[in-house]
């Protein structure tokens, strides 16, 4: 059994959502810091 279900497609959906969310998270953290925001505001 895979982490998220019974098929490789389930794992692929989990990976895609995870990578997308991690990218958005990094964009906000790094972009916010580059714009001069304090890291607590970025978080």
ModelCIF file with pLDDT and N, C-alpha, C, O atoms, coordinates in Angstrom:
data_MODEL
#
_entry.id   MODEL 
#
_entity.id                         1 
_entity.type                       polymer 
_entity.pdbx_number_of_molecules   1 
#
_entity_poly.entity_id                      1 
_entity_poly.type                           'polypeptide(L)' 
_entity_poly.nstd_linkage                   no 
_entity_poly.nstd_monomer                   no 
_entity_poly.pdbx_seq_one_letter_code       
;(UNK)(UNK)(UNK)(UNK)(UNK)(UNK)(UNK)(UNK)(UNK)(UNK)(UNK)(UNK)(UNK)(UNK)(UNK)(UNK)
(UNK)(UNK)(UNK)(UNK)(UNK)(UNK)(UNK)(UNK)(UNK)(UNK)(UNK)(UNK)(UNK)(UNK)(UNK)(UNK)
(UNK)(UNK)(UNK)(UNK)(UNK)(UNK)(UNK)(UNK)(UNK)(UNK)(UNK)
;
_entity_poly.pdbx_seq_one_letter_code_can   XXXXXXXXXXXXXXXXXXXXXXXXXXXXXXXXXXXXXXXXXXX 
_entity_poly.pdbx_strand_id                 A 
#
loop_
_entity_poly_seq.entity_id 
_entity_poly_seq.num 
_entity_poly_seq.mon_id 
_entity_poly_seq.hetero 
1 1  UNK n 
1 2  UNK n 
1 3  UNK n 
1 4  UNK n 
1 5  UNK n 
1 6  UNK n 
1 7  UNK n 
1 8  UNK n 
1 9  UNK n 
1 10 UNK n 
1 11 UNK n 
1 12 UNK n 
1 13 UNK n 
1 14 UNK n 
1 15 UNK n 
1 16 UNK n 
1 17 UNK n 
1 18 UNK n 
1 19 UNK n 
1 20 UNK n 
1 21 UNK n 
1 22 UNK n 
1 23 UNK n 
1 24 UNK n 
1 25 UNK n 
1 26 UNK n 
1 27 UNK n 
1 28 UNK n 
1 29 UNK n 
1 30 UNK n 
1 31 UNK n 
1 32 UNK n 
1 33 UNK n 
1 34 UNK n 
1 35 UNK n 
1 36 UNK n 
1 37 UNK n 
1 38 UNK n 
1 39 UNK n 
1 40 UNK n 
1 41 UNK n 
1 42 UNK n 
1 43 UNK n 
#
_struct_asym.id          A 
_struct_asym.entity_id   1 
#
loop_
_ma_qa_metric.id 
_ma_qa_metric.mode 
_ma_qa_metric.name 
_ma_qa_metric.software_group_id 
_ma_qa_metric.type 
1 global pLDDT . pLDDT 
2 local  pLDDT . pLDDT 
#
_ma_qa_metric_global.metric_id      1 
_ma_qa_metric_global.metric_value   85.60 
_ma_qa_metric_global.model_id       1 
_ma_qa_metric_global.ordinal_id     1 
#
loop_
_ma_qa_metric_local.label_asym_id 
_ma_qa_metric_local.label_comp_id 
_ma_qa_metric_local.label_seq_id 
_ma_qa_metric_local.metric_id 
_ma_qa_metric_local.metric_value 
_ma_qa_metric_local.model_id 
_ma_qa_metric_local.ordinal_id 
A UNK 1  2 46.00 1 1  
A UNK 2  2 47.00 1 2  
A UNK 3  2 52.00 1 3  
A UNK 4  2 48.00 1 4  
A UNK 5  2 55.00 1 5  
A UNK 6  2 63.00 1 6  
A UNK 7  2 73.00 1 7  
A UNK 8  2 73.00 1 8  
A UNK 9  2 76.00 1 9  
A UNK 10 2 80.00 1 10 
A UNK 11 2 85.00 1 11 
A UNK 12 2 89.00 1 12 
A UNK 13 2 90.00 1 13 
A UNK 14 2 90.00 1 14 
A UNK 15 2 93.00 1 15 
A UNK 16 2 94.00 1 16 
A UNK 17 2 94.00 1 17 
A UNK 18 2 92.00 1 18 
A UNK 19 2 96.00 1 19 
A UNK 20 2 96.00 1 20 
A UNK 21 2 94.00 1 21 
A UNK 22 2 94.00 1 22 
A UNK 23 2 96.00 1 23 
A UNK 24 2 96.00 1 24 
A UNK 25 2 93.00 1 25 
A UNK 26 2 93.00 1 26 
A UNK 27 2 96.00 1 27 
A UNK 28 2 94.00 1 28 
A UNK 29 2 90.00 1 29 
A UNK 30 2 92.00 1 30 
A UNK 31 2 96.00 1 31 
A UNK 32 2 95.00 1 32 
A UNK 33 2 91.00 1 33 
A UNK 34 2 95.00 1 34 
A UNK 35 2 97.00 1 35 
A UNK 36 2 96.00 1 36 
A UNK 37 2 95.00 1 37 
A UNK 38 2 91.00 1 38 
A UNK 39 2 88.00 1 39 
A UNK 40 2 90.00 1 40 
A UNK 41 2 94.00 1 41 
A UNK 42 2 92.00 1 42 
A UNK 43 2 91.00 1 43 
#
loop_
_atom_site.group_PDB 
_atom_site.id 
_atom_site.type_symbol 
_atom_site.label_atom_id 
_atom_site.label_alt_id 
_atom_site.label_comp_id 
_atom_site.label_asym_id 
_atom_site.label_entity_id 
_atom_site.label_seq_id 
_atom_site.pdbx_PDB_ins_code 
_atom_site.Cartn_x 
_atom_site.Cartn_y 
_atom_site.Cartn_z 
_atom_site.occupancy 
_atom_site.B_iso_or_equiv 
_atom_site.pdbx_formal_charge 
_atom_site.auth_seq_id 
_atom_site.auth_comp_id 
_atom_site.auth_asym_id 
_atom_site.auth_atom_id 
_atom_site.pdbx_PDB_model_num 
ATOM 1   N N  . UNK A 1 1  ? 0.853  -1.202 0.000  1.00 46.00 ? 1  UNK A N  1 
ATOM 2   C CA . UNK A 1 1  ? 0.000  0.000  0.000  1.00 46.00 ? 1  UNK A CA 1 
ATOM 3   C C  . UNK A 1 1  ? 0.883  1.243  0.000  1.00 46.00 ? 1  UNK A C  1 
ATOM 4   O O  . UNK A 1 1  ? 1.818  1.349  0.793  1.00 46.00 ? 1  UNK A O  1 
ATOM 5   N N  . UNK A 1 2  ? 0.581  2.176  -0.889 1.00 47.00 ? 2  UNK A N  1 
ATOM 6   C CA . UNK A 1 2  ? 1.321  3.426  -0.952 1.00 47.00 ? 2  UNK A CA 1 
ATOM 7   C C  . UNK A 1 2  ? 0.879  4.352  0.173  1.00 47.00 ? 2  UNK A C  1 
ATOM 8   O O  . UNK A 1 2  ? -0.116 4.090  0.848  1.00 47.00 ? 2  UNK A O  1 
ATOM 9   N N  . UNK A 1 3  ? 1.614  5.419  0.368  1.00 52.00 ? 3  UNK A N  1 
ATOM 10  C CA . UNK A 1 3  ? 1.307  6.373  1.437  1.00 52.00 ? 3  UNK A CA 1 
ATOM 11  C C  . UNK A 1 3  ? -0.118 6.890  1.329  1.00 52.00 ? 3  UNK A C  1 
ATOM 12  O O  . UNK A 1 3  ? -0.819 6.966  2.338  1.00 52.00 ? 3  UNK A O  1 
ATOM 13  N N  . UNK A 1 4  ? -0.557 7.242  0.146  1.00 48.00 ? 4  UNK A N  1 
ATOM 14  C CA . UNK A 1 4  ? -1.852 7.904  0.011  1.00 48.00 ? 4  UNK A CA 1 
ATOM 15  C C  . UNK A 1 4  ? -2.932 7.026  -0.579 1.00 48.00 ? 4  UNK A C  1 
ATOM 16  O O  . UNK A 1 4  ? -4.075 7.473  -0.673 1.00 48.00 ? 4  UNK A O  1 
ATOM 17  N N  . UNK A 1 5  ? -2.644 5.828  -0.973 1.00 55.00 ? 5  UNK A N  1 
ATOM 18  C CA . UNK A 1 5  ? -3.686 5.000  -1.561 1.00 55.00 ? 5  UNK A CA 1 
ATOM 19  C C  . UNK A 1 5  ? -3.143 3.742  -2.183 1.00 55.00 ? 5  UNK A C  1 
ATOM 20  O O  . UNK A 1 5  ? -2.068 3.263  -1.821 1.00 55.00 ? 5  UNK A O  1 
ATOM 21  N N  . UNK A 1 6  ? -3.889 3.214  -3.115 1.00 63.00 ? 6  UNK A N  1 
ATOM 22  C CA . UNK A 1 6  ? -3.548 1.927  -3.692 1.00 63.00 ? 6  UNK A CA 1 
ATOM 23  C C  . UNK A 1 6  ? -2.844 2.004  -5.033 1.00 63.00 ? 6  UNK A C  1 
ATOM 24  O O  . UNK A 1 6  ? -2.365 0.981  -5.521 1.00 63.00 ? 6  UNK A O  1 
ATOM 25  N N  . UNK A 1 7  ? -2.764 3.161  -5.643 1.00 73.00 ? 7  UNK A N  1 
ATOM 26  C CA . UNK A 1 7  ? -2.209 3.246  -6.986 1.00 73.00 ? 7  UNK A CA 1 
ATOM 27  C C  . UNK A 1 7  ? -1.106 4.294  -7.064 1.00 73.00 ? 7  UNK A C  1 
ATOM 28  O O  . UNK A 1 7  ? -1.041 5.201  -6.234 1.00 73.00 ? 7  UNK A O  1 
ATOM 29  N N  . UNK A 1 8  ? -0.246 4.165  -8.057 1.00 73.00 ? 8  UNK A N  1 
ATOM 30  C CA . UNK A 1 8  ? 0.759  5.211  -8.268 1.00 73.00 ? 8  UNK A CA 1 
ATOM 31  C C  . UNK A 1 8  ? 0.134  6.580  -8.543 1.00 73.00 ? 8  UNK A C  1 
ATOM 32  O O  . UNK A 1 8  ? 0.745  7.605  -8.240 1.00 73.00 ? 8  UNK A O  1 
ATOM 33  N N  . UNK A 1 9  ? -1.079 6.610  -9.115 1.00 76.00 ? 9  UNK A N  1 
ATOM 34  C CA . UNK A 1 9  ? -1.740 7.896  -9.366 1.00 76.00 ? 9  UNK A CA 1 
ATOM 35  C C  . UNK A 1 9  ? -2.033 8.603  -8.052 1.00 76.00 ? 9  UNK A C  1 
ATOM 36  O O  . UNK A 1 9  ? -1.927 9.827  -7.975 1.00 76.00 ? 9  UNK A O  1 
ATOM 37  N N  . UNK A 1 10 ? -2.406 7.844  -7.002 1.00 80.00 ? 10 UNK A N  1 
ATOM 38  C CA . UNK A 1 10 ? -2.646 8.442  -5.692 1.00 80.00 ? 10 UNK A CA 1 
ATOM 39  C C  . UNK A 1 10 ? -1.376 9.101  -5.177 1.00 80.00 ? 10 UNK A C  1 
ATOM 40  O O  . UNK A 1 10 ? -1.416 10.227 -4.681 1.00 80.00 ? 10 UNK A O  1 
ATOM 41  N N  . UNK A 1 11 ? -0.256 8.409  -5.292 1.00 85.00 ? 11 UNK A N  1 
ATOM 42  C CA . UNK A 1 11 ? 1.017  8.963  -4.841 1.00 85.00 ? 11 UNK A CA 1 
ATOM 43  C C  . UNK A 1 11 ? 1.404  10.166 -5.688 1.00 85.00 ? 11 UNK A C  1 
ATOM 44  O O  . UNK A 1 11 ? 1.977  11.123 -5.169 1.00 85.00 ? 11 UNK A O  1 
ATOM 45  N N  . UNK A 1 12 ? 1.104  10.136 -6.967 1.00 89.00 ? 12 UNK A N  1 
ATOM 46  C CA . UNK A 1 12 ? 1.405  11.259 -7.848 1.00 89.00 ? 12 UNK A CA 1 
ATOM 47  C C  . UNK A 1 12 ? 0.608  12.500 -7.478 1.00 89.00 ? 12 UNK A C  1 
ATOM 48  O O  . UNK A 1 12 ? 1.139  13.610 -7.493 1.00 89.00 ? 12 UNK A O  1 
ATOM 49  N N  . UNK A 1 13 ? -0.680 12.311 -7.141 1.00 90.00 ? 13 UNK A N  1 
ATOM 50  C CA . UNK A 1 13 ? -1.497 13.455 -6.719 1.00 90.00 ? 13 UNK A CA 1 
ATOM 51  C C  . UNK A 1 13 ? -0.957 14.033 -5.420 1.00 90.00 ? 13 UNK A C  1 
ATOM 52  O O  . UNK A 1 13 ? -0.878 15.252 -5.268 1.00 90.00 ? 13 UNK A O  1 
ATOM 53  N N  . UNK A 1 14 ? -0.581 13.163 -4.476 1.00 90.00 ? 14 UNK A N  1 
ATOM 54  C CA . UNK A 1 14 ? -0.031 13.613 -3.199 1.00 90.00 ? 14 UNK A CA 1 
ATOM 55  C C  . UNK A 1 14 ? 1.251  14.408 -3.434 1.00 90.00 ? 14 UNK A C  1 
ATOM 56  O O  . UNK A 1 14 ? 1.441  15.473 -2.845 1.00 90.00 ? 14 UNK A O  1 
ATOM 57  N N  . UNK A 1 15 ? 2.116  13.899 -4.280 1.00 93.00 ? 15 UNK A N  1 
ATOM 58  C CA . UNK A 1 15 ? 3.383  14.567 -4.585 1.00 93.00 ? 15 UNK A CA 1 
ATOM 59  C C  . UNK A 1 15 ? 3.139  15.914 -5.262 1.00 93.00 ? 15 UNK A C  1 
ATOM 60  O O  . UNK A 1 15 ? 3.784  16.905 -4.918 1.00 93.00 ? 15 UNK A O  1 
ATOM 61  N N  . UNK A 1 16 ? 2.220  15.960 -6.215 1.00 94.00 ? 16 UNK A N  1 
ATOM 62  C CA . UNK A 1 16 ? 1.954  17.207 -6.932 1.00 94.00 ? 16 UNK A CA 1 
ATOM 63  C C  . UNK A 1 16 ? 1.412  18.283 -5.998 1.00 94.00 ? 16 UNK A C  1 
ATOM 64  O O  . UNK A 1 16 ? 1.860  19.429 -6.051 1.00 94.00 ? 16 UNK A O  1 
ATOM 65  N N  . UNK A 1 17 ? 0.458  17.931 -5.149 1.00 94.00 ? 17 UNK A N  1 
ATOM 66  C CA . UNK A 1 17 ? -0.087 18.908 -4.206 1.00 94.00 ? 17 UNK A CA 1 
ATOM 67  C C  . UNK A 1 17 ? 1.000  19.333 -3.222 1.00 94.00 ? 17 UNK A C  1 
ATOM 68  O O  . UNK A 1 17 ? 1.126  20.518 -2.913 1.00 94.00 ? 17 UNK A O  1 
ATOM 69  N N  . UNK A 1 18 ? 1.783  18.381 -2.729 1.00 92.00 ? 18 UNK A N  1 
ATOM 70  C CA . UNK A 1 18 ? 2.848  18.702 -1.785 1.00 92.00 ? 18 UNK A CA 1 
ATOM 71  C C  . UNK A 1 18 ? 3.897  19.630 -2.373 1.00 92.00 ? 18 UNK A C  1 
ATOM 72  O O  . UNK A 1 18 ? 4.315  20.589 -1.724 1.00 92.00 ? 18 UNK A O  1 
ATOM 73  N N  . UNK A 1 19 ? 4.324  19.353 -3.593 1.00 96.00 ? 19 UNK A N  1 
ATOM 74  C CA . UNK A 1 19 ? 5.334  20.189 -4.253 1.00 96.00 ? 19 UNK A CA 1 
ATOM 75  C C  . UNK A 1 19 ? 4.764  21.576 -4.541 1.00 96.00 ? 19 UNK A C  1 
ATOM 76  O O  . UNK A 1 19 ? 5.462  22.577 -4.375 1.00 96.00 ? 19 UNK A O  1 
ATOM 77  N N  . UNK A 1 20 ? 3.512  21.644 -4.969 1.00 96.00 ? 20 UNK A N  1 
ATOM 78  C CA . UNK A 1 20 ? 2.880  22.935 -5.239 1.00 96.00 ? 20 UNK A CA 1 
ATOM 79  C C  . UNK A 1 20 ? 2.794  23.774 -3.966 1.00 96.00 ? 20 UNK A C  1 
ATOM 80  O O  . UNK A 1 20 ? 3.108  24.964 -3.979 1.00 96.00 ? 20 UNK A O  1 
ATOM 81  N N  . UNK A 1 21 ? 2.368  23.149 -2.869 1.00 94.00 ? 21 UNK A N  1 
ATOM 82  C CA . UNK A 1 21 ? 2.259  23.870 -1.599 1.00 94.00 ? 21 UNK A CA 1 
ATOM 83  C C  . UNK A 1 21 ? 3.635  24.288 -1.075 1.00 94.00 ? 21 UNK A C  1 
ATOM 84  O O  . UNK A 1 21 ? 3.788  25.388 -0.545 1.00 94.00 ? 21 UNK A O  1 
ATOM 85  N N  . UNK A 1 22 ? 4.624  23.423 -1.218 1.00 94.00 ? 22 UNK A N  1 
ATOM 86  C CA . UNK A 1 22 ? 5.981  23.774 -0.791 1.00 94.00 ? 22 UNK A CA 1 
ATOM 87  C C  . UNK A 1 22 ? 6.510  24.938 -1.622 1.00 94.00 ? 22 UNK A C  1 
ATOM 88  O O  . UNK A 1 22 ? 7.172  25.833 -1.095 1.00 94.00 ? 22 UNK A O  1 
ATOM 89  N N  . UNK A 1 23 ? 6.220  24.925 -2.917 1.00 96.00 ? 23 UNK A N  1 
ATOM 90  C CA . UNK A 1 23 ? 6.648  26.033 -3.778 1.00 96.00 ? 23 UNK A CA 1 
ATOM 91  C C  . UNK A 1 23 ? 5.981  27.350 -3.388 1.00 96.00 ? 23 UNK A C  1 
ATOM 92  O O  . UNK A 1 23 ? 6.633  28.393 -3.335 1.00 96.00 ? 23 UNK A O  1 
ATOM 93  N N  . UNK A 1 24 ? 4.676  27.294 -3.116 1.00 96.00 ? 24 UNK A N  1 
ATOM 94  C CA . UNK A 1 24 ? 3.963  28.503 -2.686 1.00 96.00 ? 24 UNK A CA 1 
ATOM 95  C C  . UNK A 1 24 ? 4.505  28.998 -1.350 1.00 96.00 ? 24 UNK A C  1 
ATOM 96  O O  . UNK A 1 24 ? 4.670  30.200 -1.140 1.00 96.00 ? 24 UNK A O  1 
ATOM 97  N N  . UNK A 1 25 ? 4.775  28.068 -0.463 1.00 93.00 ? 25 UNK A N  1 
ATOM 98  C CA . UNK A 1 25 ? 5.333  28.407 0.846  1.00 93.00 ? 25 UNK A CA 1 
ATOM 99  C C  . UNK A 1 25 ? 6.682  29.107 0.685  1.00 93.00 ? 25 UNK A C  1 
ATOM 100 O O  . UNK A 1 25 ? 6.916  30.154 1.289  1.00 93.00 ? 25 UNK A O  1 
ATOM 101 N N  . UNK A 1 26 ? 7.558  28.538 -0.120 1.00 93.00 ? 26 UNK A N  1 
ATOM 102 C CA . UNK A 1 26 ? 8.881  29.135 -0.345 1.00 93.00 ? 26 UNK A CA 1 
ATOM 103 C C  . UNK A 1 26 ? 8.778  30.477 -1.057 1.00 93.00 ? 26 UNK A C  1 
ATOM 104 O O  . UNK A 1 26 ? 9.534  31.401 -0.757 1.00 93.00 ? 26 UNK A O  1 
ATOM 105 N N  . UNK A 1 27 ? 7.850  30.587 -1.995 1.00 96.00 ? 27 UNK A N  1 
ATOM 106 C CA . UNK A 1 27 ? 7.655  31.858 -2.700 1.00 96.00 ? 27 UNK A CA 1 
ATOM 107 C C  . UNK A 1 27 ? 7.267  32.952 -1.713 1.00 96.00 ? 27 UNK A C  1 
ATOM 108 O O  . UNK A 1 27 ? 7.791  34.065 -1.776 1.00 96.00 ? 27 UNK A O  1 
ATOM 109 N N  . UNK A 1 28 ? 6.352  32.639 -0.802 1.00 94.00 ? 28 UNK A N  1 
ATOM 110 C CA . UNK A 1 28 ? 5.943  33.634 0.192  1.00 94.00 ? 28 UNK A CA 1 
ATOM 111 C C  . UNK A 1 28 ? 7.069  33.950 1.175  1.00 94.00 ? 28 UNK A C  1 
ATOM 112 O O  . UNK A 1 28 ? 7.285  35.112 1.518  1.00 94.00 ? 28 UNK A O  1 
ATOM 113 N N  . UNK A 1 29 ? 7.779  32.932 1.625  1.00 90.00 ? 29 UNK A N  1 
ATOM 114 C CA . UNK A 1 29 ? 8.870  33.170 2.585  1.00 90.00 ? 29 UNK A CA 1 
ATOM 115 C C  . UNK A 1 29 ? 10.026 33.935 1.962  1.00 90.00 ? 29 UNK A C  1 
ATOM 116 O O  . UNK A 1 29 ? 10.469 34.949 2.500  1.00 90.00 ? 29 UNK A O  1 
ATOM 117 N N  . UNK A 1 30 ? 10.507 33.455 0.842  1.00 92.00 ? 30 UNK A N  1 
ATOM 118 C CA . UNK A 1 30 ? 11.668 34.071 0.200  1.00 92.00 ? 30 UNK A CA 1 
ATOM 119 C C  . UNK A 1 30 ? 11.290 35.406 -0.438 1.00 92.00 ? 30 UNK A C  1 
ATOM 120 O O  . UNK A 1 30 ? 12.026 36.387 -0.330 1.00 92.00 ? 30 UNK A O  1 
ATOM 121 N N  . UNK A 1 31 ? 10.131 35.430 -1.106 1.00 96.00 ? 31 UNK A N  1 
ATOM 122 C CA . UNK A 1 31 ? 9.685  36.674 -1.724 1.00 96.00 ? 31 UNK A CA 1 
ATOM 123 C C  . UNK A 1 31 ? 9.386  37.753 -0.698 1.00 96.00 ? 31 UNK A C  1 
ATOM 124 O O  . UNK A 1 31 ? 9.714  38.924 -0.895 1.00 96.00 ? 31 UNK A O  1 
ATOM 125 N N  . UNK A 1 32 ? 8.761  37.345 0.398  1.00 95.00 ? 32 UNK A N  1 
ATOM 126 C CA . UNK A 1 32 ? 8.474  38.303 1.464  1.00 95.00 ? 32 UNK A CA 1 
ATOM 127 C C  . UNK A 1 32 ? 9.735  38.858 2.090  1.00 95.00 ? 32 UNK A C  1 
ATOM 128 O O  . UNK A 1 32 ? 9.830  40.054 2.364  1.00 95.00 ? 32 UNK A O  1 
ATOM 129 N N  . UNK A 1 33 ? 10.709 37.977 2.318  1.00 91.00 ? 33 UNK A N  1 
ATOM 130 C CA . UNK A 1 33 ? 11.983 38.429 2.891  1.00 91.00 ? 33 UNK A CA 1 
ATOM 131 C C  . UNK A 1 33 ? 12.704 39.364 1.921  1.00 91.00 ? 33 UNK A C  1 
ATOM 132 O O  . UNK A 1 33 ? 13.295 40.361 2.336  1.00 91.00 ? 33 UNK A O  1 
ATOM 133 N N  . UNK A 1 34 ? 12.653 39.036 0.618  1.00 95.00 ? 34 UNK A N  1 
ATOM 134 C CA . UNK A 1 34 ? 13.288 39.899 -0.386 1.00 95.00 ? 34 UNK A CA 1 
ATOM 135 C C  . UNK A 1 34 ? 12.595 41.261 -0.466 1.00 95.00 ? 34 UNK A C  1 
ATOM 136 O O  . UNK A 1 34 ? 13.220 42.266 -0.804 1.00 95.00 ? 34 UNK A O  1 
ATOM 137 N N  . UNK A 1 35 ? 11.294 41.281 -0.150 1.00 97.00 ? 35 UNK A N  1 
ATOM 138 C CA . UNK A 1 35 ? 10.547 42.538 -0.162 1.00 97.00 ? 35 UNK A CA 1 
ATOM 139 C C  . UNK A 1 35 ? 10.731 43.327 1.125  1.00 97.00 ? 35 UNK A C  1 
ATOM 140 O O  . UNK A 1 35 ? 10.190 44.424 1.270  1.00 97.00 ? 35 UNK A O  1 
ATOM 141 N N  . UNK A 1 36 ? 11.497 42.767 2.062  1.00 96.00 ? 36 UNK A N  1 
ATOM 142 C CA . UNK A 1 36 ? 11.794 43.484 3.293  1.00 96.00 ? 36 UNK A CA 1 
ATOM 143 C C  . UNK A 1 36 ? 10.884 43.156 4.466  1.00 96.00 ? 36 UNK A C  1 
ATOM 144 O O  . UNK A 1 36 ? 10.964 43.804 5.510  1.00 96.00 ? 36 UNK A O  1 
ATOM 145 N N  . UNK A 1 37 ? 10.012 42.147 4.309  1.00 95.00 ? 37 UNK A N  1 
ATOM 146 C CA . UNK A 1 37 ? 9.149  41.758 5.416  1.00 95.00 ? 37 UNK A CA 1 
ATOM 147 C C  . UNK A 1 37 ? 9.923  40.925 6.434  1.00 95.00 ? 37 UNK A C  1 
ATOM 148 O O  . UNK A 1 37 ? 10.833 40.179 6.069  1.00 95.00 ? 37 UNK A O  1 
ATOM 149 N N  . UNK A 1 38 ? 9.569  41.049 7.686  1.00 91.00 ? 38 UNK A N  1 
ATOM 150 C CA . UNK A 1 38 ? 10.190 40.241 8.743  1.00 91.00 ? 38 UNK A CA 1 
ATOM 151 C C  . UNK A 1 38 ? 9.752  38.797 8.551  1.00 91.00 ? 38 UNK A C  1 
ATOM 152 O O  . UNK A 1 38 ? 8.650  38.533 8.070  1.00 91.00 ? 38 UNK A O  1 
ATOM 153 N N  . UNK A 1 39 ? 10.624 37.857 8.933  1.00 88.00 ? 39 UNK A N  1 
ATOM 154 C CA . UNK A 1 39 ? 10.308 36.454 8.693  1.00 88.00 ? 39 UNK A CA 1 
ATOM 155 C C  . UNK A 1 39 ? 9.054  35.995 9.433  1.00 88.00 ? 39 UNK A C  1 
ATOM 156 O O  . UNK A 1 39 ? 8.388  35.067 8.974  1.00 88.00 ? 39 UNK A O  1 
ATOM 157 N N  . UNK A 1 40 ? 8.714  36.606 10.552 1.00 90.00 ? 40 UNK A N  1 
ATOM 158 C CA . UNK A 1 40 ? 7.495  36.199 11.255 1.00 90.00 ? 40 UNK A CA 1 
ATOM 159 C C  . UNK A 1 40 ? 6.243  36.592 10.445 1.00 90.00 ? 40 UNK A C  1 
ATOM 160 O O  . UNK A 1 40 ? 5.245  35.871 10.454 1.00 90.00 ? 40 UNK A O  1 
ATOM 161 N N  . UNK A 1 41 ? 6.303  37.716 9.759  1.00 94.00 ? 41 UNK A N  1 
ATOM 162 C CA . UNK A 1 41 ? 5.190  38.123 8.896  1.00 94.00 ? 41 UNK A CA 1 
ATOM 163 C C  . UNK A 1 41 ? 5.084  37.155 7.718  1.00 94.00 ? 41 UNK A C  1 
ATOM 164 O O  . UNK A 1 41 ? 3.982  36.771 7.326  1.00 94.00 ? 41 UNK A O  1 
ATOM 165 N N  . UNK A 1 42 ? 6.214  36.766 7.162  1.00 92.00 ? 42 UNK A N  1 
ATOM 166 C CA . UNK A 1 42 ? 6.229  35.823 6.041  1.00 92.00 ? 42 UNK A CA 1 
ATOM 167 C C  . UNK A 1 42 ? 5.653  34.470 6.457  1.00 92.00 ? 42 UNK A C  1 
ATOM 168 O O  . UNK A 1 42 ? 4.898  33.855 5.704  1.00 92.00 ? 42 UNK A O  1 
ATOM 169 N N  . UNK A 1 43 ? 6.006  34.014 7.641  1.00 91.00 ? 43 UNK A N  1 
ATOM 170 C CA . UNK A 1 43 ? 5.473  32.747 8.138  1.00 91.00 ? 43 UNK A CA 1 
ATOM 171 C C  . UNK A 1 43 ? 3.972  32.854 8.343  1.00 91.00 ? 43 UNK A C  1 
ATOM 172 O O  . UNK A 1 43 ? 3.336  31.885 8.759  1.00 91.00 ? 43 UNK A O  1 
#
